[in-house]
Amino acid sequence: MTILSAHGVSKSFLFKGALSPVLKDIDFDLQEGEFVSIVGASGCGKTTLLELLAGITKPDSGCIRYAGEEITGKTGYLGYMPQDDLLFPWLKVMDNLLLPGRVRGRNIKEERKKAIKLLPVFGLQNYQEHLPWQLSGGLRQRVALARTYMTGSKVWLLDEPLANLDALTRNALQDWIAGIVKELNLSVLLVTHDIVEALKLSDRIQVMKDGVFSGNLPLDKSADELEVKELGNKIRSLI
C-alpha cells in the first residue's frame, strides 16, 4: 500500500533576480513499511523535497498525498527530523519528548505515559532527567528520533540524521535505526549523501541529480558483497 506519494512536484527559488529550478516534475512513492533512501550530491534538491513532503514549504506545482489524502503544504502529518537535532537546550529529555504533544494540544498526562514506555525502546531510560548538553552526540540523535516518533506519525522523513557523528557512533546508530524501524513498523524516507549508509539501511534507493530522479534501484537483502559493490558503483555513476 502506498503511504506517501508526490506527483508532478516542482519547485524553484529566486536567485539573483531570476527563478532557479530546484525540483523538476518529481514523481515519488513510499510504500507502507518501506525504507527508501534518496542519494545525491549537495544541492541536488534532496532536502527541498523533504521540506515539501513535510509541508514546510509549498511546491510551485504538483500534489503530495499521505494515506490517500492530499496534504500539499500542510504540516503535522509526517515525522520530520532535520540534520541538526534541534533539541531545546533548556528542556530535559522528557520535556523535549513531550513537545509534539504540547504543540498539538494533546493530554500531557497520557503523552508522558507514552514517552515513559518509549524510553527503553530508544535506550533512554537512564537519561530522562538529563539536559541535551549532558548527552553524547549519539544519545542526542536518539532523543531527536524518539521525539519524531512522539509526533504520532508512522512515516519518518530523515534529513542526514547521522551526518555530524563520528564513524563509530554513526555505524552503531545505523544498526540501531534498522532495528527500531522494524520494531515500530515505520515507513522511512532518508536523505543521505553516504552511499554505504543507504545500501546498509534501504529497501530501495532513489538517486537524485539536478532536481530529478536519475535512478530507482531496489535492493536485494540477500545480495553478496560483490553485488552490493556493483550497485554502489552504479549509484555513483548516476549522481
C-alpha atoms as a PDB file:
ATOM      1  CA  MET A   1       0.000   0.000   0.000  1.00  0.00           C
ATOM      2  CA  THR A   2       1.300   3.447  -0.943  1.00  0.00           C
ATOM      3  CA  ILE A   3       1.511   5.535   2.237  1.00  0.00           C
ATOM      4  CA  LEU A   4       3.150   8.674   0.781  1.00  0.00           C
ATOM      5  CA  SER A   5       3.341   9.977  -2.776  1.00  0.00           C
ATOM      6  CA  ALA A   6       4.293  13.038  -4.791  1.00  0.00           C
ATOM      7  CA  HIS A   7       3.054  13.690  -8.320  1.00  0.00           C
ATOM      8  CA  GLY A   8       4.427  16.309 -10.699  1.00  0.00           C
ATOM      9  CA  VAL A   9       6.125  18.247  -7.907  1.00  0.00           C
ATOM     10  CA  SER A  10       8.269  21.190  -8.985  1.00  0.00           C
ATOM     11  CA  LYS A  11       9.937  23.948  -7.000  1.00  0.00           C
ATOM     12  CA  SER A  12      12.008  26.998  -7.942  1.00  0.00           C
ATOM     13  CA  PHE A  13      13.673  29.672  -5.837  1.00  0.00           C
ATOM     14  CA  LEU A  14      14.544  33.256  -6.687  1.00  0.00           C
ATOM     15  CA  PHE A  15      18.299  33.645  -7.154  1.00  0.00           C
ATOM     16  CA  LYS A  16      19.904  36.890  -8.318  1.00  0.00           C
ATOM     17  CA  GLY A  17      16.621  38.150  -9.706  1.00  0.00           C
ATOM     18  CA  ALA A  18      15.778  35.002 -11.667  1.00  0.00           C
ATOM     19  CA  LEU A  19      13.896  31.811 -10.860  1.00  0.00           C
ATOM     20  CA  SER A  20      16.227  28.858 -10.398  1.00  0.00           C
ATOM     21  CA  PRO A  21      14.561  25.402 -10.636  1.00  0.00           C
ATOM     22  CA  VAL A  22      15.447  23.059  -7.763  1.00  0.00           C
ATOM     23  CA  LEU A  23      12.975  20.215  -8.348  1.00  0.00           C
ATOM     24  CA  LYS A  24      11.551  19.384 -11.759  1.00  0.00           C
ATOM     25  CA  ASP A  25       8.293  17.424 -12.116  1.00  0.00           C
ATOM     26  CA  ILE A  26       9.102  14.868  -9.403  1.00  0.00           C
ATOM     27  CA  ASP A  27       7.061  11.670  -9.078  1.00  0.00           C
ATOM     28  CA  PHE A  28       7.698   9.596  -5.967  1.00  0.00           C
ATOM     29  CA  ASP A  29       6.026   6.987  -3.775  1.00  0.00           C
ATOM     30  CA  LEU A  30       6.772   5.313  -0.453  1.00  0.00           C
ATOM     31  CA  GLN A  31       5.125   2.023   0.416  1.00  0.00           C
ATOM     32  CA  GLU A  32       3.928   1.144   3.905  1.00  0.00           C
ATOM     33  CA  GLY A  33       6.802  -0.395   5.866  1.00  0.00           C
ATOM     34  CA  GLU A  34       9.368   0.547   3.213  1.00  0.00           C
ATOM     35  CA  PHE A  35      12.761   2.164   3.861  1.00  0.00           C
ATOM     36  CA  VAL A  36      13.801   4.362   0.937  1.00  0.00           C
ATOM     37  CA  SER A  37      16.960   6.458   0.715  1.00  0.00           C
ATOM     38  CA  ILE A  38      17.452   9.442  -1.569  1.00  0.00           C
ATOM     39  CA  VAL A  39      21.108   9.765  -2.518  1.00  0.00           C
ATOM     40  CA  GLY A  40      22.662  12.672  -4.364  1.00  0.00           C
ATOM     41  CA  ALA A  41      25.276  15.387  -4.282  1.00  0.00           C
ATOM     42  CA  SER A  42      24.851  18.508  -2.168  1.00  0.00           C
ATOM     43  CA  GLY A  43      22.462  20.995  -3.759  1.00  0.00           C
ATOM     44  CA  CYS A  44      20.636  18.485  -5.962  1.00  0.00           C
ATOM     45  CA  GLY A  45      17.258  19.063  -4.248  1.00  0.00           C
ATOM     46  CA  LYS A  46      17.091  16.282  -1.643  1.00  0.00           C
ATOM     47  CA  THR A  47      16.367  18.466   1.377  1.00  0.00           C
ATOM     48  CA  THR A  48      13.937  20.637  -0.593  1.00  0.00           C
ATOM     49  CA  LEU A  49      11.906  17.528  -1.427  1.00  0.00           C
ATOM     50  CA  LEU A  50      11.756  16.537   2.254  1.00  0.00           C
ATOM     51  CA  GLU A  51      10.596  20.028   3.217  1.00  0.00           C
ATOM     52  CA  LEU A  52       7.857  19.872   0.577  1.00  0.00           C
ATOM     53  CA  LEU A  53       6.710  16.444   1.763  1.00  0.00           C
ATOM     54  CA  ALA A  54       6.667  17.692   5.364  1.00  0.00           C
ATOM     55  CA  GLY A  55       4.604  20.734   4.346  1.00  0.00           C
ATOM     56  CA  ILE A  56       7.239  23.232   5.488  1.00  0.00           C
ATOM     57  CA  THR A  57       7.203  24.807   2.032  1.00  0.00           C
ATOM     58  CA  LYS A  58       4.738  24.549  -0.850  1.00  0.00           C
ATOM     59  CA  PRO A  59       5.579  23.290  -4.341  1.00  0.00           C
ATOM     60  CA  ASP A  60       5.051  25.536  -7.349  1.00  0.00           C
ATOM     61  CA  SER A  61       3.093  22.705  -8.933  1.00  0.00           C
ATOM     62  CA  GLY A  62       2.086  19.121  -8.217  1.00  0.00           C
ATOM     63  CA  CYS A  63       0.450  17.416  -5.246  1.00  0.00           C
ATOM     64  CA  ILE A  64       1.505  15.348  -2.233  1.00  0.00           C
ATOM     65  CA  ARG A  65      -0.670  12.641  -0.692  1.00  0.00           C
ATOM     66  CA  TYR A  66      -0.474  10.786   2.612  1.00  0.00           C
ATOM     67  CA  ALA A  67      -2.614   7.653   3.011  1.00  0.00           C
ATOM     68  CA  GLY A  68      -4.700   8.859   0.071  1.00  0.00           C
ATOM     69  CA  GLU A  69      -5.342  12.336   1.495  1.00  0.00           C
ATOM     70  CA  GLU A  70      -3.875  15.393  -0.187  1.00  0.00           C
ATOM     71  CA  ILE A  71      -1.535  17.169   2.248  1.00  0.00           C
ATOM     72  CA  THR A  72       0.246  19.597  -0.087  1.00  0.00           C
ATOM     73  CA  GLY A  73       1.550  22.486   2.013  1.00  0.00           C
ATOM     74  CA  LYS A  74       0.182  21.010   5.256  1.00  0.00           C
ATOM     75  CA  THR A  75       2.292  20.205   8.313  1.00  0.00           C
ATOM     76  CA  GLY A  76       1.684  17.751  11.150  1.00  0.00           C
ATOM     77  CA  TYR A  77       1.105  14.595   9.126  1.00  0.00           C
ATOM     78  CA  LEU A  78       4.648  13.229   8.943  1.00  0.00           C
ATOM     79  CA  GLY A  79       7.528  12.912  11.381  1.00  0.00           C
ATOM     80  CA  TYR A  80      10.275  15.208  10.076  1.00  0.00           C
ATOM     81  CA  MET A  81      13.788  15.297  11.513  1.00  0.00           C
ATOM     82  CA  PRO A  82      16.328  17.764  10.074  1.00  0.00           C
ATOM     83  CA  GLN A  83      20.075  17.209  10.155  1.00  0.00           C
ATOM     84  CA  ASP A  84      20.550  19.146  13.410  1.00  0.00           C
ATOM     85  CA  ASP A  85      18.683  17.576  16.336  1.00  0.00           C
ATOM     86  CA  LEU A  86      17.054  20.926  17.313  1.00  0.00           C
ATOM     87  CA  LEU A  87      16.556  19.826  20.914  1.00  0.00           C
ATOM     88  CA  PHE A  88      15.613  22.665  23.245  1.00  0.00           C
ATOM     89  CA  PRO A  89      18.770  23.062  25.390  1.00  0.00           C
ATOM     90  CA  TRP A  90      16.893  24.284  28.482  1.00  0.00           C
ATOM     91  CA  LEU A  91      14.473  21.325  28.482  1.00  0.00           C
ATOM     92  CA  LYS A  92      15.220  17.905  29.932  1.00  0.00           C
ATOM     93  CA  VAL A  93      14.939  14.828  27.723  1.00  0.00           C
ATOM     94  CA  MET A  94      11.409  14.042  28.903  1.00  0.00           C
ATOM     95  CA  ASP A  95      10.213  17.590  28.261  1.00  0.00           C
ATOM     96  CA  ASN A  96      11.724  17.535  24.773  1.00  0.00           C
ATOM     97  CA  LEU A  97       9.793  14.324  24.087  1.00  0.00           C
ATOM     98  CA  LEU A  98       6.551  15.927  25.249  1.00  0.00           C
ATOM     99  CA  LEU A  99       6.867  18.907  22.892  1.00  0.00           C
ATOM    100  CA  PRO A 100       4.955  17.381  19.935  1.00  0.00           C
ATOM    101  CA  GLY A 101       2.024  16.614  22.220  1.00  0.00           C
ATOM    102  CA  ARG A 102       2.020  20.113  23.691  1.00  0.00           C
ATOM    103  CA  VAL A 103       2.078  21.707  20.234  1.00  0.00           C
ATOM    104  CA  ARG A 104      -0.846  19.533  19.143  1.00  0.00           C
ATOM    105  CA  GLY A 105      -2.842  20.175  22.323  1.00  0.00           C
ATOM    106  CA  ARG A 106      -2.862  16.565  23.477  1.00  0.00           C
ATOM    107  CA  ASN A 107      -3.396  15.283  27.013  1.00  0.00           C
ATOM    108  CA  ILE A 108       0.093  15.642  28.507  1.00  0.00           C
ATOM    109  CA  LYS A 109      -0.519  13.049  31.217  1.00  0.00           C
ATOM    110  CA  GLU A 110      -1.222  10.475  28.504  1.00  0.00           C
ATOM    111  CA  GLU A 111       1.714  11.712  26.440  1.00  0.00           C
ATOM    112  CA  ARG A 112       4.024  11.266  29.447  1.00  0.00           C
ATOM    113  CA  LYS A 113       2.846   7.663  29.887  1.00  0.00           C
ATOM    114  CA  LYS A 114       3.569   7.039  26.217  1.00  0.00           C
ATOM    115  CA  ALA A 115       7.030   8.629  26.496  1.00  0.00           C
ATOM    116  CA  ILE A 116       7.924   6.587  29.592  1.00  0.00           C
ATOM    117  CA  LYS A 117       7.120   3.377  27.701  1.00  0.00           C
ATOM    118  CA  LEU A 118       9.201   4.621  24.779  1.00  0.00           C
ATOM    119  CA  LEU A 119      12.358   5.429  26.777  1.00  0.00           C
ATOM    120  CA  PRO A 120      13.733   1.853  26.932  1.00  0.00           C
ATOM    121  CA  VAL A 121      12.865   1.266  23.268  1.00  0.00           C
ATOM    122  CA  PHE A 122      15.195   4.137  22.360  1.00  0.00           C
ATOM    123  CA  GLY A 123      17.782   3.313  25.044  1.00  0.00           C
ATOM    124  CA  LEU A 124      16.979   6.466  27.018  1.00  0.00           C
ATOM    125  CA  GLN A 125      15.613   5.022  30.265  1.00  0.00           C
ATOM    126  CA  ASN A 126      18.544   6.403  32.262  1.00  0.00           C
ATOM    127  CA  TYR A 127      18.526   9.871  30.697  1.00  0.00           C
ATOM    128  CA  GLN A 128      15.033  11.339  31.008  1.00  0.00           C
ATOM    129  CA  GLU A 129      16.202  13.972  33.534  1.00  0.00           C
ATOM    130  CA  HIS A 130      19.288  14.970  31.536  1.00  0.00           C
ATOM    131  CA  LEU A 131      19.645  18.198  29.590  1.00  0.00           C
ATOM    132  CA  PRO A 132      20.786  17.900  25.951  1.00  0.00           C
ATOM    133  CA  TRP A 133      24.268  19.287  26.667  1.00  0.00           C
ATOM    134  CA  GLN A 134      24.829  16.405  29.095  1.00  0.00           C
ATOM    135  CA  LEU A 135      24.348  13.807  26.334  1.00  0.00           C
ATOM    136  CA  SER A 136      26.703  12.397  23.714  1.00  0.00           C
ATOM    137  CA  GLY A 137      26.013  13.055  20.042  1.00  0.00           C
ATOM    138  CA  GLY A 138      24.579   9.574  19.592  1.00  0.00           C
ATOM    139  CA  LEU A 139      22.213   9.937  22.538  1.00  0.00           C
ATOM    140  CA  ARG A 140      21.045  13.344  21.314  1.00  0.00           C
ATOM    141  CA  GLN A 141      20.108  11.775  17.990  1.00  0.00           C
ATOM    142  CA  ARG A 142      18.181   9.043  19.816  1.00  0.00           C
ATOM    143  CA  VAL A 143      16.247  11.717  21.697  1.00  0.00           C
ATOM    144  CA  ALA A 144      15.523  13.537  18.435  1.00  0.00           C
ATOM    145  CA  LEU A 145      14.311  10.309  16.816  1.00  0.00           C
ATOM    146  CA  ALA A 146      12.158   9.485  19.847  1.00  0.00           C
ATOM    147  CA  ARG A 147      10.649  12.970  19.663  1.00  0.00           C
ATOM    148  CA  THR A 148       9.939  12.352  15.973  1.00  0.00           C
ATOM    149  CA  TYR A 149       8.078   9.185  16.954  1.00  0.00           C
ATOM    150  CA  MET A 150       6.107  11.156  19.553  1.00  0.00           C
ATOM    151  CA  THR A 151       4.528  13.159  16.721  1.00  0.00           C
ATOM    152  CA  GLY A 152       2.335  10.107  16.250  1.00  0.00           C
ATOM    153  CA  SER A 153       3.239   9.558  12.601  1.00  0.00           C
ATOM    154  CA  LYS A 154       4.421   6.168  11.358  1.00  0.00           C
ATOM    155  CA  VAL A 155       6.194   7.881   8.455  1.00  0.00           C
ATOM    156  CA  TRP A 156       9.614   9.403   9.112  1.00  0.00           C
ATOM    157  CA  LEU A 157      11.406  11.928   6.920  1.00  0.00           C
ATOM    158  CA  LEU A 158      15.056  11.943   7.987  1.00  0.00           C
ATOM    159  CA  ASP A 159      17.491  14.519   6.607  1.00  0.00           C
ATOM    160  CA  GLU A 160      21.012  13.145   7.121  1.00  0.00           C
ATOM    161  CA  PRO A 161      20.433  12.481  10.844  1.00  0.00           C
ATOM    162  CA  LEU A 162      23.837  10.848  11.341  1.00  0.00           C
ATOM    163  CA  ALA A 163      25.998  13.189   9.260  1.00  0.00           C
ATOM    164  CA  ASN A 164      27.512  15.034  12.246  1.00  0.00           C
ATOM    165  CA  LEU A 165      28.559  11.909  14.158  1.00  0.00           C
ATOM    166  CA  ASP A 166      31.918  10.164  14.232  1.00  0.00           C
ATOM    167  CA  ALA A 167      32.282   6.986  12.169  1.00  0.00           C
ATOM    168  CA  LEU A 168      31.970   4.519  15.073  1.00  0.00           C
ATOM    169  CA  THR A 169      28.874   6.182  16.539  1.00  0.00           C
ATOM    170  CA  ARG A 170      27.322   6.535  13.084  1.00  0.00           C
ATOM    171  CA  ASN A 171      27.840   2.851  12.311  1.00  0.00           C
ATOM    172  CA  ALA A 172      26.307   1.786  15.640  1.00  0.00           C
ATOM    173  CA  LEU A 173      23.295   4.059  15.148  1.00  0.00           C
ATOM    174  CA  GLN A 174      22.741   2.744  11.629  1.00  0.00           C
ATOM    175  CA  ASP A 175      22.323  -0.750  13.080  1.00  0.00           C
ATOM    176  CA  TRP A 176      20.068   0.614  15.818  1.00  0.00           C
ATOM    177  CA  ILE A 177      17.876   2.556  13.369  1.00  0.00           C
ATOM    178  CA  ALA A 178      17.433  -0.525  11.191  1.00  0.00           C
ATOM    179  CA  GLY A 179      16.184  -2.427  14.242  1.00  0.00           C
ATOM    180  CA  ILE A 180      13.901   0.314  15.575  1.00  0.00           C
ATOM    181  CA  VAL A 181      12.259   0.821  12.176  1.00  0.00           C
ATOM    182  CA  LYS A 182      11.312  -2.857  12.058  1.00  0.00           C
ATOM    183  CA  GLU A 183      10.232  -2.962  15.707  1.00  0.00           C
ATOM    184  CA  LEU A 184       7.930   0.060  15.358  1.00  0.00           C
ATOM    185  CA  ASN A 185       6.778  -0.816  11.812  1.00  0.00           C
ATOM    186  CA  LEU A 186       7.774   2.547  10.359  1.00  0.00           C
ATOM    187  CA  SER A 187       7.951   3.805   6.786  1.00  0.00           C
ATOM    188  CA  VAL A 188      11.109   5.864   6.281  1.00  0.00           C
ATOM    189  CA  LEU A 189      12.454   8.278   3.697  1.00  0.00           C
ATOM    190  CA  LEU A 190      16.120   9.008   4.397  1.00  0.00           C
ATOM    191  CA  VAL A 191      18.127  11.723   2.670  1.00  0.00           C
ATOM    192  CA  THR A 192      21.844  10.992   2.658  1.00  0.00           C
ATOM    193  CA  HIS A 193      24.983  11.574   0.618  1.00  0.00           C
ATOM    194  CA  ASP A 194      26.510   8.428   2.167  1.00  0.00           C
ATOM    195  CA  ILE A 195      26.080   5.606  -0.363  1.00  0.00           C
ATOM    196  CA  VAL A 196      27.286   2.941   2.085  1.00  0.00           C
ATOM    197  CA  GLU A 197      24.694   4.095   4.636  1.00  0.00           C
ATOM    198  CA  ALA A 198      21.959   3.940   2.001  1.00  0.00           C
ATOM    199  CA  LEU A 199      22.995   0.438   0.927  1.00  0.00           C
ATOM    200  CA  LYS A 200      23.024  -0.737   4.533  1.00  0.00           C
ATOM    201  CA  LEU A 201      19.600   0.590   5.539  1.00  0.00           C
ATOM    202  CA  SER A 202      17.399   0.711   2.452  1.00  0.00           C
ATOM    203  CA  ASP A 203      14.898  -1.459   0.656  1.00  0.00           C
ATOM    204  CA  ARG A 204      15.194   0.902  -2.314  1.00  0.00           C
ATOM    205  CA  ILE A 205      17.457   3.779  -3.335  1.00  0.00           C
ATOM    206  CA  GLN A 206      16.358   6.780  -5.395  1.00  0.00           C
ATOM    207  CA  VAL A 207      19.259   8.656  -6.965  1.00  0.00           C
ATOM    208  CA  MET A 208      18.764  12.400  -7.469  1.00  0.00           C
ATOM    209  CA  LYS A 209      20.728  14.629  -9.814  1.00  0.00           C
ATOM    210  CA  ASP A 210      19.991  18.258 -10.684  1.00  0.00           C
ATOM    211  CA  GLY A 211      16.454  18.190  -9.324  1.00  0.00           C
ATOM    212  CA  VAL A 212      15.265  14.977 -10.982  1.00  0.00           C
ATOM    213  CA  PHE A 213      15.486  11.284 -10.138  1.00  0.00           C
ATOM    214  CA  SER A 214      18.168   9.657 -12.273  1.00  0.00           C
ATOM    215  CA  GLY A 215      17.737   6.163 -10.859  1.00  0.00           C
ATOM    216  CA  ASN A 216      15.362   3.967  -8.844  1.00  0.00           C
ATOM    217  CA  LEU A 217      17.202   0.924  -7.531  1.00  0.00           C
ATOM    218  CA  PRO A 218      15.640  -1.841  -5.403  1.00  0.00           C
ATOM    219  CA  LEU A 219      17.982  -3.681  -3.047  1.00  0.00           C
ATOM    220  CA  ASP A 220      18.216  -7.426  -2.640  1.00  0.00           C
ATOM    221  CA  LYS A 221      18.935  -8.083   1.048  1.00  0.00           C
ATOM    222  CA  SER A 222      20.457 -11.452   0.127  1.00  0.00           C
ATOM    223  CA  ALA A 223      22.962  -9.882  -2.306  1.00  0.00           C
ATOM    224  CA  ASP A 224      26.596 -10.835  -1.788  1.00  0.00           C
ATOM    225  CA  GLU A 225      29.426  -8.370  -1.227  1.00  0.00           C
ATOM    226  CA  LEU A 226      30.351  -8.166  -4.930  1.00  0.00           C
ATOM    227  CA  GLU A 227      26.752  -7.427  -5.972  1.00  0.00           C
ATOM    228  CA  VAL A 228      26.466  -4.692  -3.340  1.00  0.00           C
ATOM    229  CA  LYS A 229      29.754  -3.181  -4.535  1.00  0.00           C
ATOM    230  CA  GLU A 230      28.499  -3.177  -8.143  1.00  0.00           C
ATOM    231  CA  LEU A 231      25.278  -1.488  -7.057  1.00  0.00           C
ATOM    232  CA  GLY A 232      27.290   1.145  -5.206  1.00  0.00           C
ATOM    233  CA  ASN A 233      29.293   1.824  -8.366  1.00  0.00           C
ATOM    234  CA  LYS A 234      26.067   2.139 -10.364  1.00  0.00           C
ATOM    235  CA  ILE A 235      24.724   4.685  -7.876  1.00  0.00           C
ATOM    236  CA  ARG A 236      27.934   6.716  -8.149  1.00  0.00           C
ATOM    237  CA  SER A 237      27.609   6.743 -11.941  1.00  0.00           C
ATOM    238  CA  LEU A 238      24.085   8.193 -11.661  1.00  0.00           C
ATOM    239  CA  ILE A 239      24.929  11.028  -9.260  1.00  0.00           C
END
